[in-house]
Amino acid sequence: MKLIFAIVNNDDSHNVATALTQGGFSATKLASTGGFLMAGNTTFMICCENASVDSAIAVIAQNSRKRKQYVPNAASYAANEAPVSYPVEVSVGGATIFVTDIERFEKL
């Protein structure tokens, strides 16, 4: 058995959860926060048979997408002027996935 940790953007959370359920996967949702943008994410924990890992990852990939977002940059200082902050475009969304082995699984 494998345990899949899938971290997805909150904007994609509902679609991923619905698609996983429709695909026959049981998932536990945890609220999480990204370290770079300090934005809300959802972490899914999915336990499945080894043969189902690729199917679960495909469901997640099909229902989470990357998008561009502008974030404030550190202020720039010019001589005798007020600090100016220019927005920087970053890529957010998609999914970050970890797959680990499970030694024992029980659903009581």
PDB file of N, CA and C in Angstrom:
ATOM      1  N   MET A   1       0.846  -1.191   0.000  1.00  0.00           N
ATOM      2  CA  MET A   1       0.000   0.000   0.000  1.00  0.00           C
ATOM      3  C   MET A   1       0.880   1.240   0.000  1.00  0.00           C
ATOM      4  N   LYS A   2       0.289   2.328  -0.483  1.00  0.00           N
ATOM      5  CA  LYS A   2       0.983   3.612  -0.556  1.00  0.00           C
ATOM      6  C   LYS A   2       0.125   4.689   0.090  1.00  0.00           C
ATOM      7  N   LEU A   3       0.802   5.707   0.606  1.00  0.00           N
ATOM      8  CA  LEU A   3       0.136   6.892   1.113  1.00  0.00           C
ATOM      9  C   LEU A   3       0.568   8.052   0.239  1.00  0.00           C
ATOM     10  N   ILE A   4      -0.412   8.726  -0.343  1.00  0.00           N
ATOM     11  CA  ILE A   4      -0.155   9.875  -1.209  1.00  0.00           C
ATOM     12  C   ILE A   4      -0.498  11.136  -0.431  1.00  0.00           C
ATOM     13  N   PHE A   5       0.469  12.046  -0.348  1.00  0.00           N
ATOM     14  CA  PHE A   5       0.230  13.382   0.178  1.00  0.00           C
ATOM     15  C   PHE A   5       0.174  14.296  -1.038  1.00  0.00           C
ATOM     16  N   ALA A   6      -0.961  14.931  -1.267  1.00  0.00           N
ATOM     17  CA  ALA A   6      -1.116  15.836  -2.410  1.00  0.00           C
ATOM     18  C   ALA A   6      -1.483  17.214  -1.884  1.00  0.00           C
ATOM     19  N   ILE A   7      -0.608  18.186  -2.124  1.00  0.00           N
ATOM     20  CA  ILE A   7      -0.836  19.553  -1.678  1.00  0.00           C
ATOM     21  C   ILE A   7      -1.314  20.351  -2.880  1.00  0.00           C
ATOM     22  N   VAL A   8      -2.543  20.876  -2.785  1.00  0.00           N
ATOM     23  CA  VAL A   8      -3.135  21.615  -3.905  1.00  0.00           C
ATOM     24  C   VAL A   8      -3.609  22.982  -3.422  1.00  0.00           C
ATOM     25  N   ASN A   9      -3.713  23.909  -4.346  1.00  0.00           N
ATOM     26  CA  ASN A   9      -4.198  25.251  -4.064  1.00  0.00           C
ATOM     27  C   ASN A   9      -5.653  25.168  -3.615  1.00  0.00           C
ATOM     28  N   ASN A  10      -6.050  26.030  -2.682  1.00  0.00           N
ATOM     29  CA  ASN A  10      -7.436  26.028  -2.206  1.00  0.00           C
ATOM     30  C   ASN A  10      -8.438  26.217  -3.343  1.00  0.00           C
ATOM     31  N   ASP A  11      -8.046  26.939  -4.391  1.00  0.00           N
ATOM     32  CA  ASP A  11      -8.949  27.157  -5.520  1.00  0.00           C
ATOM     33  C   ASP A  11      -9.314  25.843  -6.219  1.00  0.00           C
ATOM     34  N   ASP A  12      -8.449  24.845  -6.126  1.00  0.00           N
ATOM     35  CA  ASP A  12      -8.674  23.557  -6.782  1.00  0.00           C
ATOM     36  C   ASP A  12      -9.185  22.477  -5.836  1.00  0.00           C
ATOM     37  N   SER A  13      -9.236  22.778  -4.568  1.00  0.00           N
ATOM     38  CA  SER A  13      -9.541  21.779  -3.542  1.00  0.00           C
ATOM     39  C   SER A  13     -10.873  21.061  -3.771  1.00  0.00           C
ATOM     40  N   HIS A  14     -11.922  21.817  -4.046  1.00  0.00           N
ATOM     41  CA  HIS A  14     -13.248  21.210  -4.232  1.00  0.00           C
ATOM     42  C   HIS A  14     -13.259  20.265  -5.434  1.00  0.00           C
ATOM     43  N   ASN A  15     -12.684  20.700  -6.552  1.00  0.00           N
ATOM     44  CA  ASN A  15     -12.670  19.861  -7.753  1.00  0.00           C
ATOM     45  C   ASN A  15     -11.866  18.584  -7.532  1.00  0.00           C
ATOM     46  N   VAL A  16     -10.728  18.697  -6.857  1.00  0.00           N
ATOM     47  CA  VAL A  16      -9.905  17.516  -6.584  1.00  0.00           C
ATOM     48  C   VAL A  16     -10.654  16.559  -5.666  1.00  0.00           C
ATOM     49  N   ALA A  17     -11.257  17.074  -4.602  1.00  0.00           N
ATOM     50  CA  ALA A  17     -11.989  16.218  -3.657  1.00  0.00           C
ATOM     51  C   ALA A  17     -13.134  15.487  -4.344  1.00  0.00           C
ATOM     52  N   THR A  18     -13.889  16.205  -5.171  1.00  0.00           N
ATOM     53  CA  THR A  18     -15.017  15.604  -5.885  1.00  0.00           C
ATOM     54  C   THR A  18     -14.536  14.521  -6.849  1.00  0.00           C
ATOM     55  N   ALA A  19     -13.485  14.811  -7.600  1.00  0.00           N
ATOM     56  CA  ALA A  19     -12.966  13.850  -8.581  1.00  0.00           C
ATOM     57  C   ALA A  19     -12.377  12.616  -7.903  1.00  0.00           C
ATOM     58  N   LEU A  20     -11.699  12.796  -6.781  1.00  0.00           N
ATOM     59  CA  LEU A  20     -11.162  11.642  -6.054  1.00  0.00           C
ATOM     60  C   LEU A  20     -12.291  10.736  -5.576  1.00  0.00           C
ATOM     61  N   THR A  21     -13.348  11.336  -5.031  1.00  0.00           N
ATOM     62  CA  THR A  21     -14.490  10.555  -4.560  1.00  0.00           C
ATOM     63  C   THR A  21     -15.148   9.812  -5.721  1.00  0.00           C
ATOM     64  N   GLN A  22     -15.338  10.499  -6.849  1.00  0.00           N
ATOM     65  CA  GLN A  22     -15.942   9.864  -8.025  1.00  0.00           C
ATOM     66  C   GLN A  22     -15.051   8.757  -8.570  1.00  0.00           C
ATOM     67  N   GLY A  23     -13.733   8.880  -8.376  1.00  0.00           N
ATOM     68  CA  GLY A  23     -12.794   7.868  -8.833  1.00  0.00           C
ATOM     69  C   GLY A  23     -12.656   6.701  -7.870  1.00  0.00           C
ATOM     70  N   GLY A  24     -13.390   6.745  -6.756  1.00  0.00           N
ATOM     71  CA  GLY A  24     -13.369   5.642  -5.799  1.00  0.00           C
ATOM     72  C   GLY A  24     -12.252   5.733  -4.762  1.00  0.00           C
ATOM     73  N   PHE A  25     -11.640   6.897  -4.637  1.00  0.00           N
ATOM     74  CA  PHE A  25     -10.569   7.081  -3.661  1.00  0.00           C
ATOM     75  C   PHE A  25     -11.106   7.752  -2.405  1.00  0.00           C
ATOM     76  N   SER A  26     -10.678   7.271  -1.254  1.00  0.00           N
ATOM     77  CA  SER A  26     -10.996   7.921   0.010  1.00  0.00           C
ATOM     78  C   SER A  26      -9.843   8.840   0.356  1.00  0.00           C
ATOM     79  N   ALA A  27     -10.161  10.047   0.766  1.00  0.00           N
ATOM     80  CA  ALA A  27      -9.118  11.021   1.074  1.00  0.00           C
ATOM     81  C   ALA A  27      -9.476  11.783   2.340  1.00  0.00           C
ATOM     82  N   THR A  28      -8.456  12.123   3.088  1.00  0.00           N
ATOM     83  CA  THR A  28      -8.602  13.003   4.237  1.00  0.00           C
ATOM     84  C   THR A  28      -8.036  14.360   3.840  1.00  0.00           C
ATOM     85  N   LYS A  29      -8.809  15.418   4.096  1.00  0.00           N
ATOM     86  CA  LYS A  29      -8.385  16.777   3.742  1.00  0.00           C
ATOM     87  C   LYS A  29      -7.862  17.483   4.984  1.00  0.00           C
ATOM     88  N   LEU A  30      -6.711  18.134   4.828  1.00  0.00           N
ATOM     89  CA  LEU A  30      -6.135  18.930   5.901  1.00  0.00           C
ATOM     90  C   LEU A  30      -5.885  20.344   5.386  1.00  0.00           C
ATOM     91  N   ALA A  31      -6.226  21.341   6.183  1.00  0.00           N
ATOM     92  CA  ALA A  31      -5.900  22.717   5.815  1.00  0.00           C
ATOM     93  C   ALA A  31      -4.409  22.923   6.041  1.00  0.00           C
ATOM     94  N   SER A  32      -3.753  23.570   5.084  1.00  0.00           N
ATOM     95  CA  SER A  32      -2.321  23.821   5.212  1.00  0.00           C
ATOM     96  C   SER A  32      -1.999  25.187   4.619  1.00  0.00           C
ATOM     97  N   THR A  33      -0.805  25.671   4.920  1.00  0.00           N
ATOM     98  CA  THR A  33      -0.369  26.975   4.430  1.00  0.00           C
ATOM     99  C   THR A  33       0.987  26.837   3.786  1.00  0.00           C
ATOM    100  N   GLY A  34       1.139  27.411   2.595  1.00  0.00           N
ATOM    101  CA  GLY A  34       2.417  27.376   1.900  1.00  0.00           C
ATOM    102  C   GLY A  34       3.425  28.300   2.564  1.00  0.00           C
ATOM    103  N   GLY A  35       4.679  27.945   2.491  1.00  0.00           N
ATOM    104  CA  GLY A  35       5.721  28.724   3.137  1.00  0.00           C
ATOM    105  C   GLY A  35       6.163  29.934   2.342  1.00  0.00           C
ATOM    106  N   PHE A  36       6.098  29.883   1.018  1.00  0.00           N
ATOM    107  CA  PHE A  36       6.608  30.978   0.188  1.00  0.00           C
ATOM    108  C   PHE A  36       5.630  32.147   0.141  1.00  0.00           C
ATOM    109  N   LEU A  37       4.397  31.890  -0.262  1.00  0.00           N
ATOM    110  CA  LEU A  37       3.403  32.957  -0.385  1.00  0.00           C
ATOM    111  C   LEU A  37       2.497  33.057   0.837  1.00  0.00           C
ATOM    112  N   MET A  38       2.652  32.129   1.766  1.00  0.00           N
ATOM    113  CA  MET A  38       1.802  32.062   2.957  1.00  0.00           C
ATOM    114  C   MET A  38       0.323  32.003   2.569  1.00  0.00           C
ATOM    115  N   ALA A  39       0.038  31.303   1.476  1.00  0.00           N
ATOM    116  CA  ALA A  39      -1.326  31.180   0.963  1.00  0.00           C
ATOM    117  C   ALA A  39      -1.929  29.860   1.414  1.00  0.00           C
ATOM    118  N   GLY A  40      -3.252  29.816   1.442  1.00  0.00           N
ATOM    119  CA  GLY A  40      -3.951  28.620   1.863  1.00  0.00           C
ATOM    120  C   GLY A  40      -3.862  27.501   0.837  1.00  0.00           C
ATOM    121  N   ASN A  41      -3.620  26.304   1.334  1.00  0.00           N
ATOM    122  CA  ASN A  41      -3.586  25.093   0.524  1.00  0.00           C
ATOM    123  C   ASN A  41      -4.455  24.055   1.191  1.00  0.00           C
ATOM    124  N   THR A  42      -4.684  22.978   0.485  1.00  0.00           N
ATOM    125  CA  THR A  42      -5.320  21.807   1.065  1.00  0.00           C
ATOM    126  C   THR A  42      -4.395  20.634   0.829  1.00  0.00           C
ATOM    127  N   THR A  43      -4.128  19.875   1.877  1.00  0.00           N
ATOM    128  CA  THR A  43      -3.318  18.670   1.760  1.00  0.00           C
ATOM    129  C   THR A  43      -4.243  17.470   1.838  1.00  0.00           C
ATOM    130  N   PHE A  44      -4.215  16.651   0.804  1.00  0.00           N
ATOM    131  CA  PHE A  44      -5.005  15.425   0.768  1.00  0.00           C
ATOM    132  C   PHE A  44      -4.112  14.260   1.157  1.00  0.00           C
ATOM    133  N   MET A  45      -4.603  13.387   2.024  1.00  0.00           N
ATOM    134  CA  MET A  45      -3.928  12.139   2.357  1.00  0.00           C
ATOM    135  C   MET A  45      -4.785  11.015   1.777  1.00  0.00           C
ATOM    136  N   ILE A  46      -4.193  10.244   0.867  1.00  0.00           N
ATOM    137  CA  ILE A  46      -4.922   9.192   0.161  1.00  0.00           C
ATOM    138  C   ILE A  46      -4.158   7.891   0.323  1.00  0.00           C
ATOM    139  N   CYS A  47      -4.787   6.890   0.892  1.00  0.00           N
ATOM    140  CA  CYS A  47      -4.163   5.576   1.017  1.00  0.00           C
ATOM    141  C   CYS A  47      -4.765   4.677  -0.058  1.00  0.00           C
ATOM    142  N   CYS A  48      -3.905   4.031  -0.836  1.00  0.00           N
ATOM    143  CA  CYS A  48      -4.407   3.186  -1.918  1.00  0.00           C
ATOM    144  C   CYS A  48      -3.432   2.046  -2.203  1.00  0.00           C
ATOM    145  N   GLU A  49      -3.893   1.101  -2.971  1.00  0.00           N
ATOM    146  CA  GLU A  49      -3.052  -0.011  -3.395  1.00  0.00           C
ATOM    147  C   GLU A  49      -1.993   0.504  -4.364  1.00  0.00           C
ATOM    148  N   ASN A  50      -0.884  -0.185  -4.431  1.00  0.00           N
ATOM    149  CA  ASN A  50       0.225   0.230  -5.308  1.00  0.00           C
ATOM    150  C   ASN A  50      -0.230   0.438  -6.752  1.00  0.00           C
ATOM    151  N   ALA A  51      -1.093  -0.428  -7.236  1.00  0.00           N
ATOM    152  CA  ALA A  51      -1.545  -0.360  -8.624  1.00  0.00           C
ATOM    153  C   ALA A  51      -2.425   0.864  -8.908  1.00  0.00           C
ATOM    154  N   SER A  52      -2.962   1.491  -7.858  1.00  0.00           N
ATOM    155  CA  SER A  52      -3.872   2.628  -8.034  1.00  0.00           C
ATOM    156  C   SER A  52      -3.187   3.985  -7.915  1.00  0.00           C
ATOM    157  N   VAL A  53      -1.901   4.001  -7.583  1.00  0.00           N
ATOM    158  CA  VAL A  53      -1.199   5.270  -7.356  1.00  0.00           C
ATOM    159  C   VAL A  53      -1.241   6.150  -8.599  1.00  0.00           C
ATOM    160  N   ASP A  54      -0.913   5.605  -9.751  1.00  0.00           N
ATOM    161  CA  ASP A  54      -0.895   6.405 -10.976  1.00  0.00           C
ATOM    162  C   ASP A  54      -2.279   6.956 -11.310  1.00  0.00           C
ATOM    163  N   SER A  55      -3.320   6.181 -11.051  1.00  0.00           N
ATOM    164  CA  SER A  55      -4.689   6.658 -11.303  1.00  0.00           C
ATOM    165  C   SER A  55      -5.041   7.817 -10.382  1.00  0.00           C
ATOM    166  N   ALA A  56      -4.670   7.715  -9.114  1.00  0.00           N
ATOM    167  CA  ALA A  56      -4.955   8.793  -8.160  1.00  0.00           C
ATOM    168  C   ALA A  56      -4.205  10.063  -8.554  1.00  0.00           C
ATOM    169  N   ILE A  57      -2.948   9.913  -8.938  1.00  0.00           N
ATOM    170  CA  ILE A  57      -2.157  11.077  -9.349  1.00  0.00           C
ATOM    171  C   ILE A  57      -2.739  11.701 -10.609  1.00  0.00           C
ATOM    172  N   ALA A  58      -3.230  10.899 -11.522  1.00  0.00           N
ATOM    173  CA  ALA A  58      -3.850  11.426 -12.742  1.00  0.00           C
ATOM    174  C   ALA A  58      -5.101  12.238 -12.409  1.00  0.00           C
ATOM    175  N   VAL A  59      -5.902  11.766 -11.466  1.00  0.00           N
ATOM    176  CA  VAL A  59      -7.100  12.499 -11.052  1.00  0.00           C
ATOM    177  C   VAL A  59      -6.713  13.853 -10.473  1.00  0.00           C
ATOM    178  N   ILE A  60      -5.687  13.856  -9.629  1.00  0.00           N
ATOM    179  CA  ILE A  60      -5.232  15.111  -9.015  1.00  0.00           C
ATOM    180  C   ILE A  60      -4.713  16.058 -10.100  1.00  0.00           C
ATOM    181  N   ALA A  61      -3.913  15.546 -11.020  1.00  0.00           N
ATOM    182  CA  ALA A  61      -3.330  16.374 -12.083  1.00  0.00           C
ATOM    183  C   ALA A  61      -4.402  16.982 -12.981  1.00  0.00           C
ATOM    184  N   GLN A  62      -5.446  16.215 -13.269  1.00  0.00           N
ATOM    185  CA  GLN A  62      -6.503  16.704 -14.153  1.00  0.00           C
ATOM    186  C   GLN A  62      -7.374  17.771 -13.492  1.00  0.00           C
ATOM    187  N   ASN A  63      -7.327  17.855 -12.169  1.00  0.00           N
ATOM    188  CA  ASN A  63      -8.226  18.763 -11.456  1.00  0.00           C
ATOM    189  C   ASN A  63      -7.516  19.859 -10.675  1.00  0.00           C
ATOM    190  N   SER A  64      -6.230  20.010 -10.895  1.00  0.00           N
ATOM    191  CA  SER A  64      -5.488  21.121 -10.286  1.00  0.00           C
ATOM    192  C   SER A  64      -4.655  21.770 -11.384  1.00  0.00           C
ATOM    193  N   ARG A  65      -4.674  23.082 -11.428  1.00  0.00           N
ATOM    194  CA  ARG A  65      -3.982  23.758 -12.516  1.00  0.00           C
ATOM    195  C   ARG A  65      -3.082  24.861 -11.982  1.00  0.00           C
ATOM    196  N   LYS A  66      -2.055  25.150 -12.753  1.00  0.00           N
ATOM    197  CA  LYS A  66      -1.165  26.257 -12.421  1.00  0.00           C
ATOM    198  C   LYS A  66      -1.777  27.547 -12.938  1.00  0.00           C
ATOM    199  N   ARG A  67      -1.506  28.618 -12.231  1.00  0.00           N
ATOM    200  CA  ARG A  67      -1.978  29.937 -12.646  1.00  0.00           C
ATOM    201  C   ARG A  67      -0.931  30.962 -12.253  1.00  0.00           C
ATOM    202  N   LYS A  68      -0.992  32.120 -12.857  1.00  0.00           N
ATOM    203  CA  LYS A  68      -0.063  33.215 -12.556  1.00  0.00           C
ATOM    204  C   LYS A  68      -0.706  34.137 -11.529  1.00  0.00           C
ATOM    205  N   GLN A  69       0.124  34.652 -10.642  1.00  0.00           N
ATOM    206  CA  GLN A  69      -0.347  35.571  -9.616  1.00  0.00           C
ATOM    207  C   GLN A  69       0.737  36.625  -9.391  1.00  0.00           C
ATOM    208  N   TYR A  70       0.318  37.836  -9.108  1.00  0.00           N
ATOM    209  CA  TYR A  70       1.284  38.898  -8.814  1.00  0.00           C
ATOM    210  C   TYR A  70       1.385  39.074  -7.309  1.00  0.00           C
ATOM    211  N   VAL A  71       2.619  39.139  -6.815  1.00  0.00           N
ATOM    212  CA  VAL A  71       2.861  39.349  -5.392  1.00  0.00           C
ATOM    213  C   VAL A  71       3.793  40.547  -5.235  1.00  0.00           C
ATOM    214  N   PRO A  72       3.682  41.252  -4.110  1.00  0.00           N
ATOM    215  CA  PRO A  72       4.576  42.389  -3.910  1.00  0.00           C
ATOM    216  C   PRO A  72       6.019  41.935  -3.756  1.00  0.00           C
ATOM    217  N   ASN A  73       6.912  42.700  -4.314  1.00  0.00           N
ATOM    218  CA  ASN A  73       8.340  42.428  -4.223  1.00  0.00           C
ATOM    219  C   ASN A  73       8.902  43.282  -3.081  1.00  0.00           C
ATOM    220  N   ALA A  74      10.098  42.975  -2.636  1.00  0.00           N
ATOM    221  CA  ALA A  74      10.753  43.801  -1.630  1.00  0.00           C
ATOM    222  C   ALA A  74      10.918  45.218  -2.183  1.00  0.00           C
ATOM    223  N   ALA A  75      10.789  46.182  -1.340  1.00  0.00           N
ATOM    224  CA  ALA A  75      10.867  47.579  -1.771  1.00  0.00           C
ATOM    225  C   ALA A  75      12.253  47.910  -2.306  1.00  0.00           C
ATOM    226  N   SER A  76      12.270  48.703  -3.374  1.00  0.00           N
ATOM    227  CA  SER A  76      13.520  49.198  -3.946  1.00  0.00           C
ATOM    228  C   SER A  76      13.716  50.632  -3.480  1.00  0.00           C
ATOM    229  N   TYR A  77      14.943  50.965  -3.159  1.00  0.00           N
ATOM    230  CA  TYR A  77      15.247  52.317  -2.680  1.00  0.00           C
ATOM    231  C   TYR A  77      16.120  53.035  -3.697  1.00  0.00           C
ATOM    232  N   ALA A  78      15.718  54.226  -4.054  1.00  0.00           N
ATOM    233  CA  ALA A  78      16.529  55.085  -4.920  1.00  0.00           C
ATOM    234  C   ALA A  78      16.928  56.308  -4.092  1.00  0.00           C
ATOM    235  N   ALA A  79      18.029  56.931  -4.468  1.00  0.00           N
ATOM    236  CA  ALA A  79      18.519  58.084  -3.706  1.00  0.00           C
ATOM    237  C   ALA A  79      17.461  59.181  -3.644  1.00  0.00           C
ATOM    238  N   ASN A  80      17.197  59.661  -2.447  1.00  0.00           N
ATOM    239  CA  ASN A  80      16.265  60.773  -2.198  1.00  0.00           C
ATOM    240  C   ASN A  80      14.845  60.500  -2.679  1.00  0.00           C
ATOM    241  N   GLU A  81      14.433  59.251  -2.730  1.00  0.00           N
ATOM    242  CA  GLU A  81      13.067  58.922  -3.146  1.00  0.00           C
ATOM    243  C   GLU A  81      12.450  57.953  -2.146  1.00  0.00           C
ATOM    244  N   ALA A  82      11.134  57.897  -2.186  1.00  0.00           N
ATOM    245  CA  ALA A  82      10.420  56.969  -1.315  1.00  0.00           C
ATOM    246  C   ALA A  82      10.608  55.541  -1.840  1.00  0.00           C
ATOM    247  N   PRO A  83      10.541  54.545  -0.956  1.00  0.00           N
ATOM    248  CA  PRO A  83      10.680  53.158  -1.416  1.00  0.00           C
ATOM    249  C   PRO A  83       9.550  52.790  -2.379  1.00  0.00           C
ATOM    250  N   VAL A  84       9.884  52.024  -3.388  1.00  0.00           N
ATOM    251  CA  VAL A  84       8.917  51.605  -4.395  1.00  0.00           C
ATOM    252  C   VAL A  84       8.889  50.079  -4.426  1.00  0.00           C
ATOM    253  N   SER A  85       7.689  49.528  -4.420  1.00  0.00           N
ATOM    254  CA  SER A  85       7.541  48.076  -4.481  1.00  0.00           C
ATOM    255  C   SER A  85       6.892  47.706  -5.806  1.00  0.00           C
ATOM    256  N   TYR A  86       7.551  46.855  -6.572  1.00  0.00           N
ATOM    257  CA  TYR A  86       7.028  46.422  -7.862  1.00  0.00           C
ATOM    258  C   TYR A  86       6.516  44.990  -7.737  1.00  0.00           C
ATOM    259  N   PRO A  87       5.317  44.723  -8.262  1.00  0.00           N
ATOM    260  CA  PRO A  87       4.802  43.354  -8.190  1.00  0.00           C
ATOM    261  C   PRO A  87       5.618  42.414  -9.080  1.00  0.00           C
ATOM    262  N   VAL A  88       5.700  41.167  -8.641  1.00  0.00           N
ATOM    263  CA  VAL A  88       6.426  40.132  -9.372  1.00  0.00           C
ATOM    264  C   VAL A  88       5.439  39.020  -9.707  1.00  0.00           C
ATOM    265  N   GLU A  89       5.495  38.543 -10.938  1.00  0.00           N
ATOM    266  CA  GLU A  89       4.613  37.450 -11.353  1.00  0.00           C
ATOM    267  C   GLU A  89       5.222  36.113 -10.920  1.00  0.00           C
ATOM    268  N   VAL A  90       4.403  35.295 -10.225  1.00  0.00           N
ATOM    269  CA  VAL A  90       4.841  33.964  -9.808  1.00  0.00           C
ATOM    270  C   VAL A  90       3.801  32.939 -10.262  1.00  0.00           C
ATOM    271  N   SER A  91       4.238  31.714 -10.387  1.00  0.00           N
ATOM    272  CA  SER A  91       3.348  30.617 -10.752  1.00  0.00           C
ATOM    273  C   SER A  91       2.852  29.950  -9.475  1.00  0.00           C
ATOM    274  N   VAL A  92       1.538  29.809  -9.337  1.00  0.00           N
ATOM    275  CA  VAL A  92       0.941  29.150  -8.173  1.00  0.00           C
ATOM    276  C   VAL A  92       0.006  28.053  -8.660  1.00  0.00           C
ATOM    277  N   GLY A  93      -0.394  27.205  -7.755  1.00  0.00           N
ATOM    278  CA  GLY A  93      -1.336  26.146  -8.084  1.00  0.00           C
ATOM    279  C   GLY A  93      -0.640  24.886  -8.512  1.00  0.00           C
ATOM    280  N   GLY A  94      -1.359  24.073  -9.255  1.00  0.00           N
ATOM    281  CA  GLY A  94      -0.836  22.759  -9.588  1.00  0.00           C
ATOM    282  C   GLY A  94      -0.923  21.877  -8.351  1.00  0.00           C
ATOM    283  N   ALA A  95      -0.049  20.915  -8.274  1.00  0.00           N
ATOM    284  CA  ALA A  95      -0.038  20.022  -7.110  1.00  0.00           C
ATOM    285  C   ALA A  95       1.387  19.605  -6.807  1.00  0.00           C
ATOM    286  N   THR A  96       1.663  19.454  -5.526  1.00  0.00           N
ATOM    287  CA  THR A  96       2.913  18.865  -5.068  1.00  0.00           C
ATOM    288  C   THR A  96       2.539  17.547  -4.422  1.00  0.00           C
ATOM    289  N   ILE A  97       3.146  16.459  -4.908  1.00  0.00           N
ATOM    290  CA  ILE A  97       2.717  15.121  -4.492  1.00  0.00           C
ATOM    291  C   ILE A  97       3.891  14.327  -3.947  1.00  0.00           C
ATOM    292  N   PHE A  98       3.659  13.692  -2.805  1.00  0.00           N
ATOM    293  CA  PHE A  98       4.626  12.782  -2.197  1.00  0.00           C
ATOM    294  C   PHE A  98       3.961  11.416  -2.084  1.00  0.00           C
ATOM    295  N   VAL A  99       4.685  10.357  -2.391  1.00  0.00           N
ATOM    296  CA  VAL A  99       4.158   8.996  -2.261  1.00  0.00           C
ATOM    297  C   VAL A  99       5.096   8.223  -1.341  1.00  0.00           C
ATOM    298  N   THR A 100       4.524   7.631  -0.297  1.00  0.00           N
ATOM    299  CA  THR A 100       5.321   6.869   0.663  1.00  0.00           C
ATOM    300  C   THR A 100       4.742   5.470   0.836  1.00  0.00           C
ATOM    301  N   ASP A 101       5.583   4.559   1.281  1.00  0.00           N
ATOM    302  CA  ASP A 101       5.133   3.198   1.576  1.00  0.00           C
ATOM    303  C   ASP A 101       4.364   3.179   2.897  1.00  0.00           C
ATOM    304  N   ILE A 102       3.381   2.302   2.974  1.00  0.00           N
ATOM    305  CA  ILE A 102       2.606   2.098   4.194  1.00  0.00           C
ATOM    306  C   ILE A 102       2.900   0.702   4.711  1.00  0.00           C
ATOM    307  N   GLU A 103       3.333   0.619   5.940  1.00  0.00           N
ATOM    308  CA  GLU A 103       3.613  -0.673   6.549  1.00  0.00           C
ATOM    309  C   GLU A 103       2.329  -1.329   7.046  1.00  0.00           C
ATOM    310  N   ARG A 104       1.420  -0.500   7.556  1.00  0.00           N
ATOM    311  CA  ARG A 104       0.178  -1.054   8.110  1.00  0.00           C
ATOM    312  C   ARG A 104      -0.926  -0.011   7.923  1.00  0.00           C
ATOM    313  N   PHE A 105      -2.118  -0.485   7.549  1.00  0.00           N
ATOM    314  CA  PHE A 105      -3.261   0.407   7.375  1.00  0.00           C
ATOM    315  C   PHE A 105      -4.482  -0.280   7.959  1.00  0.00           C
ATOM    316  N   GLU A 106      -5.210   0.445   8.793  1.00  0.00           N
ATOM    317  CA  GLU A 106      -6.444  -0.069   9.354  1.00  0.00           C
ATOM    318  C   GLU A 106      -7.499   1.013   9.282  1.00  0.00           C
ATOM    319  N   LYS A 107      -8.687   0.633   8.888  1.00  0.00           N
ATOM    320  CA  LYS A 107      -9.805   1.555   8.864  1.00  0.00           C
ATOM    321  C   LYS A 107     -10.853   0.985   9.812  1.00  0.00           C
ATOM    322  N   LEU A 108     -10.972   1.569  10.980  1.00  0.00           N
ATOM    323  CA  LEU A 108     -11.856   1.035  12.020  1.00  0.00           C
ATOM    324  C   LEU A 108     -13.179   1.741  12.054  1.00  0.00           C
TER     325      LEU A 108
END
